Amino acid sequence: MFKLINLKRIILNASIVVFSLNSLGVIACAPKPDSHAEVRFFPKPMFDGDLAVDIDTGKVKAKVWISGGGKLEKYEIIEITPKQLPIAPIKKSLSKARFDMLNGYPVSGQILEIEFEIVRKIKTDLELPEIETNIDK
């Protein structure tokens, strides 16, 4: 009787170990859950004051690669609306953008559309007087 109880325990323990190892293998082979990024911070692009656009908002559509920490690693601009906007200020804002990540996994090739306010730099013709300095004293 004692040997039968010990044999049942050994079989039960062995089956638990096999099941656990099998489960770990399934988890290791499981695909990563889908990741997704949402814009947390997108600085306003600053355009020249003489920009010939009559609207106050723009939009950039871009394919993005983002680290699990929410930092943009790479991007491809697909479309800018309105088309007359210069690309350099938008690229500068994209490079400083930060993102909230779903599941904390990196994102590869997600298409994002980001709306932004069109802000124009104010040009000033400010003349500053020369200041004499005599450092040799």
N, C-alpha and C. Protein backbone atom coordinates (compact mmCIF):
# COMPACT_ATOMS: atom_id res chain seq x y z
N MET A 1 0.82 -1.18 0.00
CA MET A 1 0.00 0.00 0.00
C MET A 1 0.87 1.26 0.00
N PHE A 2 1.91 1.26 0.84
CA PHE A 2 2.82 2.40 0.93
C PHE A 2 3.50 2.65 -0.41
N LYS A 3 3.93 1.57 -1.11
CA LYS A 3 4.59 1.70 -2.40
C LYS A 3 3.63 2.25 -3.44
N LEU A 4 2.35 1.89 -3.37
CA LEU A 4 1.36 2.36 -4.32
C LEU A 4 1.12 3.86 -4.15
N ILE A 5 1.07 4.34 -2.91
CA ILE A 5 0.87 5.78 -2.65
C ILE A 5 2.07 6.57 -3.14
N ASN A 6 3.29 6.06 -2.87
CA ASN A 6 4.50 6.72 -3.34
C ASN A 6 4.54 6.74 -4.86
N LEU A 7 4.14 5.68 -5.51
CA LEU A 7 4.12 5.60 -6.97
C LEU A 7 3.13 6.62 -7.55
N LYS A 8 1.97 6.77 -6.91
CA LYS A 8 0.99 7.76 -7.37
C LYS A 8 1.55 9.17 -7.23
N ARG A 9 2.25 9.46 -6.12
CA ARG A 9 2.85 10.77 -5.93
C ARG A 9 3.91 11.04 -6.99
N ILE A 10 4.73 10.06 -7.27
CA ILE A 10 5.80 10.22 -8.27
C ILE A 10 5.19 10.50 -9.64
N ILE A 11 4.15 9.75 -10.00
CA ILE A 11 3.49 9.95 -11.30
C ILE A 11 2.85 11.34 -11.35
N LEU A 12 2.19 11.75 -10.27
CA LEU A 12 1.55 13.06 -10.21
C LEU A 12 2.59 14.18 -10.33
N ASN A 13 3.68 14.08 -9.57
CA ASN A 13 4.75 15.09 -9.63
C ASN A 13 5.39 15.15 -11.01
N ALA A 14 5.62 13.98 -11.61
CA ALA A 14 6.21 13.94 -12.94
C ALA A 14 5.28 14.58 -13.97
N SER A 15 3.99 14.32 -13.85
CA SER A 15 3.05 14.91 -14.81
C SER A 15 2.96 16.42 -14.63
N ILE A 16 3.07 16.90 -13.39
CA ILE A 16 3.07 18.35 -13.15
C ILE A 16 4.30 18.99 -13.76
N VAL A 17 5.46 18.36 -13.60
CA VAL A 17 6.70 18.88 -14.17
C VAL A 17 6.60 18.91 -15.70
N VAL A 18 6.13 17.85 -16.31
CA VAL A 18 6.01 17.79 -17.77
C VAL A 18 5.04 18.86 -18.26
N PHE A 19 3.90 19.01 -17.58
CA PHE A 19 2.92 20.01 -17.98
C PHE A 19 3.51 21.42 -17.86
N SER A 20 4.25 21.67 -16.77
CA SER A 20 4.85 22.99 -16.56
C SER A 20 5.87 23.30 -17.65
N LEU A 21 6.73 22.35 -17.95
CA LEU A 21 7.73 22.55 -19.00
C LEU A 21 7.07 22.78 -20.35
N ASN A 22 6.03 22.03 -20.63
CA ASN A 22 5.31 22.19 -21.88
C ASN A 22 4.67 23.58 -21.96
N SER A 23 4.11 24.05 -20.86
CA SER A 23 3.48 25.38 -20.83
C SER A 23 4.52 26.47 -21.07
N LEU A 24 5.70 26.33 -20.47
CA LEU A 24 6.75 27.32 -20.69
C LEU A 24 7.17 27.36 -22.14
N GLY A 25 7.23 26.22 -22.77
CA GLY A 25 7.58 26.17 -24.19
C GLY A 25 6.54 26.86 -25.04
N VAL A 26 5.30 26.70 -24.70
CA VAL A 26 4.23 27.36 -25.45
C VAL A 26 4.32 28.87 -25.25
N ILE A 27 4.58 29.31 -24.04
CA ILE A 27 4.69 30.74 -23.78
C ILE A 27 5.87 31.33 -24.53
N ALA A 28 7.00 30.64 -24.54
CA ALA A 28 8.18 31.13 -25.22
C ALA A 28 7.97 31.24 -26.73
N CYS A 29 7.16 30.36 -27.28
CA CYS A 29 6.92 30.37 -28.71
C CYS A 29 5.74 31.24 -29.11
N ALA A 30 5.01 31.75 -28.15
CA ALA A 30 3.83 32.55 -28.45
C ALA A 30 4.25 33.86 -29.10
N PRO A 31 3.49 34.35 -30.08
CA PRO A 31 3.84 35.62 -30.70
C PRO A 31 3.63 36.77 -29.73
N LYS A 32 4.39 37.86 -29.94
CA LYS A 32 4.21 39.04 -29.11
C LYS A 32 2.83 39.62 -29.37
N PRO A 33 2.21 40.17 -28.35
CA PRO A 33 0.94 40.84 -28.60
C PRO A 33 1.18 42.07 -29.48
N ASP A 34 0.16 42.46 -30.21
CA ASP A 34 0.29 43.63 -31.05
C ASP A 34 0.66 44.84 -30.22
N SER A 35 1.56 45.64 -30.75
CA SER A 35 1.91 46.87 -30.07
C SER A 35 1.34 48.03 -30.86
N HIS A 36 1.20 49.12 -30.18
CA HIS A 36 0.54 50.26 -30.77
C HIS A 36 1.07 51.50 -30.07
N ALA A 37 1.25 52.58 -30.81
CA ALA A 37 1.74 53.82 -30.21
C ALA A 37 0.72 54.93 -30.41
N GLU A 38 0.62 55.78 -29.40
CA GLU A 38 -0.20 56.98 -29.49
C GLU A 38 0.68 58.18 -29.17
N VAL A 39 0.43 59.28 -29.83
CA VAL A 39 1.24 60.48 -29.64
C VAL A 39 1.00 61.04 -28.24
N ARG A 40 2.07 61.18 -27.47
CA ARG A 40 2.00 61.80 -26.15
C ARG A 40 2.40 63.28 -26.26
N PHE A 41 3.45 63.55 -27.05
CA PHE A 41 3.97 64.91 -27.18
C PHE A 41 4.45 65.12 -28.61
N PHE A 42 3.96 66.18 -29.25
CA PHE A 42 4.41 66.57 -30.58
C PHE A 42 4.58 68.08 -30.57
N PRO A 43 5.83 68.56 -30.54
CA PRO A 43 6.04 70.01 -30.47
C PRO A 43 5.53 70.70 -31.74
N LYS A 44 5.01 71.90 -31.58
CA LYS A 44 4.48 72.64 -32.73
C LYS A 44 5.62 72.99 -33.68
N PRO A 45 5.47 72.65 -34.96
CA PRO A 45 6.49 73.08 -35.93
C PRO A 45 6.45 74.60 -36.08
N MET A 46 7.61 75.21 -36.19
CA MET A 46 7.71 76.67 -36.35
C MET A 46 8.06 76.97 -37.80
N PHE A 47 7.15 77.66 -38.48
CA PHE A 47 7.33 78.00 -39.89
C PHE A 47 7.71 79.47 -40.03
N ASP A 48 8.34 79.82 -41.17
CA ASP A 48 8.71 81.21 -41.43
C ASP A 48 7.46 82.08 -41.49
N GLY A 49 7.62 83.34 -41.11
CA GLY A 49 6.50 84.27 -41.07
C GLY A 49 5.88 84.54 -42.42
N ASP A 50 6.66 84.39 -43.49
CA ASP A 50 6.13 84.67 -44.83
C ASP A 50 5.53 83.42 -45.50
N LEU A 51 5.20 82.43 -44.72
CA LEU A 51 4.59 81.20 -45.23
C LEU A 51 3.26 81.52 -45.90
N ALA A 52 3.09 81.08 -47.14
CA ALA A 52 1.89 81.40 -47.92
C ALA A 52 0.83 80.32 -47.77
N VAL A 53 0.32 80.15 -46.55
CA VAL A 53 -0.75 79.19 -46.27
C VAL A 53 -1.79 79.92 -45.43
N ASP A 54 -3.06 79.80 -45.83
CA ASP A 54 -4.12 80.55 -45.16
C ASP A 54 -4.83 79.79 -44.04
N ILE A 55 -4.43 78.58 -43.74
CA ILE A 55 -5.11 77.81 -42.70
C ILE A 55 -4.24 77.73 -41.45
N ASP A 56 -4.85 77.36 -40.34
CA ASP A 56 -4.15 77.37 -39.06
C ASP A 56 -3.70 75.99 -38.59
N THR A 57 -4.13 74.93 -39.27
CA THR A 57 -3.72 73.58 -38.86
C THR A 57 -3.17 72.81 -40.05
N GLY A 58 -2.28 71.89 -39.73
CA GLY A 58 -1.71 71.01 -40.73
C GLY A 58 -1.76 69.59 -40.24
N LYS A 59 -1.35 68.68 -41.11
CA LYS A 59 -1.36 67.27 -40.75
C LYS A 59 -0.19 66.57 -41.44
N VAL A 60 0.44 65.67 -40.71
CA VAL A 60 1.48 64.84 -41.28
C VAL A 60 1.07 63.38 -41.11
N LYS A 61 1.22 62.62 -42.19
CA LYS A 61 0.97 61.18 -42.15
C LYS A 61 2.34 60.52 -42.33
N ALA A 62 2.71 59.69 -41.36
CA ALA A 62 4.05 59.11 -41.38
C ALA A 62 4.03 57.64 -40.94
N LYS A 63 4.95 56.89 -41.50
CA LYS A 63 5.19 55.51 -41.07
C LYS A 63 6.31 55.60 -40.05
N VAL A 64 6.08 55.03 -38.84
CA VAL A 64 7.03 55.23 -37.74
C VAL A 64 7.53 53.91 -37.15
N TRP A 65 8.74 53.97 -36.64
CA TRP A 65 9.35 52.89 -35.87
C TRP A 65 9.70 53.51 -34.52
N ILE A 66 9.15 52.94 -33.44
CA ILE A 66 9.27 53.54 -32.13
C ILE A 66 9.78 52.49 -31.13
N SER A 67 10.68 52.91 -30.25
CA SER A 67 11.22 52.01 -29.23
C SER A 67 10.13 51.70 -28.20
N GLY A 68 10.35 50.66 -27.42
CA GLY A 68 9.40 50.30 -26.37
C GLY A 68 9.25 51.38 -25.32
N GLY A 69 10.23 52.28 -25.24
CA GLY A 69 10.17 53.39 -24.29
C GLY A 69 9.46 54.62 -24.85
N GLY A 70 9.03 54.57 -26.10
CA GLY A 70 8.26 55.67 -26.68
C GLY A 70 9.06 56.70 -27.44
N LYS A 71 10.32 56.39 -27.78
CA LYS A 71 11.15 57.34 -28.53
C LYS A 71 11.17 56.94 -30.01
N LEU A 72 10.97 57.93 -30.87
CA LEU A 72 10.98 57.69 -32.31
C LEU A 72 12.38 57.30 -32.76
N GLU A 73 12.49 56.17 -33.44
CA GLU A 73 13.79 55.70 -33.93
C GLU A 73 13.97 55.99 -35.41
N LYS A 74 12.87 55.90 -36.17
CA LYS A 74 12.94 56.08 -37.62
C LYS A 74 11.55 56.47 -38.10
N TYR A 75 11.49 57.21 -39.20
CA TYR A 75 10.19 57.56 -39.77
C TYR A 75 10.30 57.78 -41.27
N GLU A 76 9.19 57.63 -41.94
CA GLU A 76 9.07 57.95 -43.36
C GLU A 76 7.82 58.81 -43.50
N ILE A 77 7.98 60.02 -44.00
CA ILE A 77 6.83 60.89 -44.20
C ILE A 77 6.11 60.44 -45.47
N ILE A 78 4.82 60.18 -45.32
CA ILE A 78 4.00 59.73 -46.45
C ILE A 78 3.30 60.92 -47.11
N GLU A 79 2.75 61.80 -46.26
CA GLU A 79 1.99 62.93 -46.80
C GLU A 79 1.97 64.08 -45.80
N ILE A 80 2.01 65.30 -46.33
CA ILE A 80 1.88 66.50 -45.51
C ILE A 80 0.71 67.30 -46.09
N THR A 81 -0.16 67.77 -45.19
CA THR A 81 -1.29 68.58 -45.62
C THR A 81 -1.26 69.88 -44.83
N PRO A 82 -1.33 71.03 -45.47
CA PRO A 82 -1.33 71.28 -46.90
C PRO A 82 0.05 71.02 -47.51
N LYS A 83 0.04 70.73 -48.77
CA LYS A 83 1.28 70.32 -49.46
C LYS A 83 2.33 71.43 -49.53
N GLN A 84 1.90 72.69 -49.36
CA GLN A 84 2.83 73.82 -49.46
C GLN A 84 3.74 73.96 -48.23
N LEU A 85 3.44 73.24 -47.18
CA LEU A 85 4.25 73.37 -45.97
C LEU A 85 5.66 72.86 -46.20
N PRO A 86 6.66 73.59 -45.73
CA PRO A 86 8.04 73.08 -45.82
C PRO A 86 8.22 71.88 -44.89
N ILE A 87 9.04 70.95 -45.31
CA ILE A 87 9.18 69.68 -44.59
C ILE A 87 10.12 69.79 -43.37
N ALA A 88 11.10 70.69 -43.41
CA ALA A 88 12.12 70.75 -42.35
C ALA A 88 11.53 70.97 -40.95
N PRO A 89 10.62 71.93 -40.74
CA PRO A 89 10.07 72.10 -39.39
C PRO A 89 9.27 70.88 -38.91
N ILE A 90 8.63 70.19 -39.84
CA ILE A 90 7.85 69.00 -39.48
C ILE A 90 8.79 67.87 -39.08
N LYS A 91 9.88 67.70 -39.81
CA LYS A 91 10.87 66.68 -39.46
C LYS A 91 11.46 66.95 -38.07
N LYS A 92 11.73 68.23 -37.79
CA LYS A 92 12.29 68.59 -36.49
C LYS A 92 11.32 68.24 -35.36
N SER A 93 10.02 68.53 -35.56
CA SER A 93 9.01 68.19 -34.55
C SER A 93 8.86 66.69 -34.40
N LEU A 94 8.89 65.95 -35.51
CA LEU A 94 8.79 64.49 -35.44
C LEU A 94 9.94 63.90 -34.64
N SER A 95 11.14 64.43 -34.85
CA SER A 95 12.30 63.87 -34.15
C SER A 95 12.24 64.11 -32.64
N LYS A 96 11.48 65.13 -32.21
CA LYS A 96 11.35 65.42 -30.78
C LYS A 96 10.07 64.84 -30.18
N ALA A 97 9.25 64.22 -30.99
CA ALA A 97 7.96 63.67 -30.51
C ALA A 97 8.20 62.49 -29.56
N ARG A 98 7.25 62.27 -28.66
CA ARG A 98 7.27 61.13 -27.75
C ARG A 98 5.92 60.44 -27.82
N PHE A 99 5.93 59.15 -27.50
CA PHE A 99 4.75 58.32 -27.71
C PHE A 99 4.46 57.46 -26.49
N ASP A 100 3.18 57.17 -26.27
CA ASP A 100 2.75 56.21 -25.27
C ASP A 100 2.62 54.87 -25.97
N MET A 101 3.17 53.82 -25.33
CA MET A 101 3.21 52.50 -25.95
C MET A 101 2.20 51.56 -25.30
N LEU A 102 1.48 50.81 -26.12
CA LEU A 102 0.61 49.76 -25.63
C LEU A 102 1.47 48.52 -25.45
N ASN A 103 1.43 47.90 -24.32
CA ASN A 103 2.18 46.68 -23.99
C ASN A 103 3.68 46.90 -23.84
N GLY A 104 4.19 48.09 -24.07
CA GLY A 104 5.61 48.36 -23.89
C GLY A 104 6.53 47.75 -24.94
N TYR A 105 5.96 47.23 -26.02
CA TYR A 105 6.77 46.65 -27.09
C TYR A 105 7.08 47.71 -28.14
N PRO A 106 8.22 47.59 -28.84
CA PRO A 106 8.52 48.52 -29.91
C PRO A 106 7.49 48.40 -31.04
N VAL A 107 7.38 49.47 -31.81
CA VAL A 107 6.46 49.50 -32.94
C VAL A 107 7.28 49.57 -34.22
N SER A 108 6.89 48.79 -35.20
CA SER A 108 7.59 48.79 -36.49
C SER A 108 6.59 49.07 -37.61
N GLY A 109 6.74 50.22 -38.23
CA GLY A 109 5.96 50.53 -39.41
C GLY A 109 4.51 50.91 -39.18
N GLN A 110 4.18 51.45 -38.03
CA GLN A 110 2.81 51.91 -37.78
C GLN A 110 2.58 53.21 -38.53
N ILE A 111 1.40 53.36 -39.13
CA ILE A 111 1.03 54.60 -39.80
C ILE A 111 0.32 55.50 -38.79
N LEU A 112 0.85 56.71 -38.64
CA LEU A 112 0.25 57.70 -37.74
C LEU A 112 -0.12 58.95 -38.51
N GLU A 113 -1.22 59.56 -38.14
CA GLU A 113 -1.59 60.87 -38.64
C GLU A 113 -1.59 61.83 -37.46
N ILE A 114 -0.80 62.88 -37.57
CA ILE A 114 -0.64 63.83 -36.48
C ILE A 114 -1.07 65.21 -36.97
N GLU A 115 -2.04 65.80 -36.30
CA GLU A 115 -2.46 67.17 -36.60
C GLU A 115 -1.67 68.13 -35.73
N PHE A 116 -1.37 69.31 -36.29
CA PHE A 116 -0.61 70.30 -35.54
C PHE A 116 -1.06 71.70 -35.94
N GLU A 117 -0.80 72.64 -35.04
CA GLU A 117 -1.09 74.05 -35.29
C GLU A 117 0.04 74.62 -36.15
N ILE A 118 -0.33 75.43 -37.13
CA ILE A 118 0.68 76.09 -37.96
C ILE A 118 1.06 77.39 -37.26
N VAL A 119 2.28 77.42 -36.72
CA VAL A 119 2.79 78.58 -35.99
C VAL A 119 3.87 79.23 -36.83
N ARG A 120 3.72 80.54 -37.00
CA ARG A 120 4.69 81.28 -37.81
C ARG A 120 5.66 82.05 -36.90
N LYS A 121 6.92 82.02 -37.28
CA LYS A 121 7.93 82.80 -36.56
C LYS A 121 7.71 84.28 -36.91
N ILE A 122 7.93 85.13 -35.96
CA ILE A 122 7.80 86.57 -36.20
C ILE A 122 9.19 87.10 -36.51
N LYS A 123 9.29 87.75 -37.67
CA LYS A 123 10.58 88.34 -38.04
C LYS A 123 10.66 89.74 -37.45
N THR A 124 11.79 90.04 -36.89
CA THR A 124 12.02 91.38 -36.36
C THR A 124 13.34 91.90 -36.89
N ASP A 125 13.33 93.17 -37.24
CA ASP A 125 14.57 93.82 -37.66
C ASP A 125 15.08 94.63 -36.47
N LEU A 126 15.72 93.96 -35.58
CA LEU A 126 16.20 94.57 -34.36
C LEU A 126 17.68 94.87 -34.51
N GLU A 127 18.02 96.14 -34.35
CA GLU A 127 19.43 96.53 -34.42
C GLU A 127 19.92 96.80 -33.01
N LEU A 128 20.94 96.12 -32.65
CA LEU A 128 21.53 96.30 -31.32
C LEU A 128 22.76 97.19 -31.44
N PRO A 129 22.91 98.13 -30.53
CA PRO A 129 24.10 99.00 -30.59
C PRO A 129 25.34 98.21 -30.20
N GLU A 130 26.45 98.64 -30.76
CA GLU A 130 27.71 97.99 -30.39
C GLU A 130 28.12 98.48 -29.00
N ILE A 131 28.64 97.59 -28.23
CA ILE A 131 29.07 97.92 -26.88
C ILE A 131 30.59 97.83 -26.85
N GLU A 132 31.20 98.93 -26.40
CA GLU A 132 32.65 98.92 -26.31
C GLU A 132 33.07 98.19 -25.06
N THR A 133 33.98 97.29 -25.24
CA THR A 133 34.54 96.58 -24.08
C THR A 133 36.04 96.74 -24.11
N ASN A 134 36.60 97.01 -22.99
CA ASN A 134 38.03 97.13 -22.89
C ASN A 134 38.50 96.11 -21.85
N ILE A 135 38.83 94.95 -22.34
CA ILE A 135 39.20 93.84 -21.46
C ILE A 135 40.68 93.92 -21.07
N ASP A 136 41.47 94.68 -21.79
CA ASP A 136 42.91 94.70 -21.58
C ASP A 136 43.34 95.47 -20.33
N LYS A 137 42.45 96.09 -19.62
CA LYS A 137 42.84 96.90 -18.46
C LYS A 137 43.40 96.10 -17.35
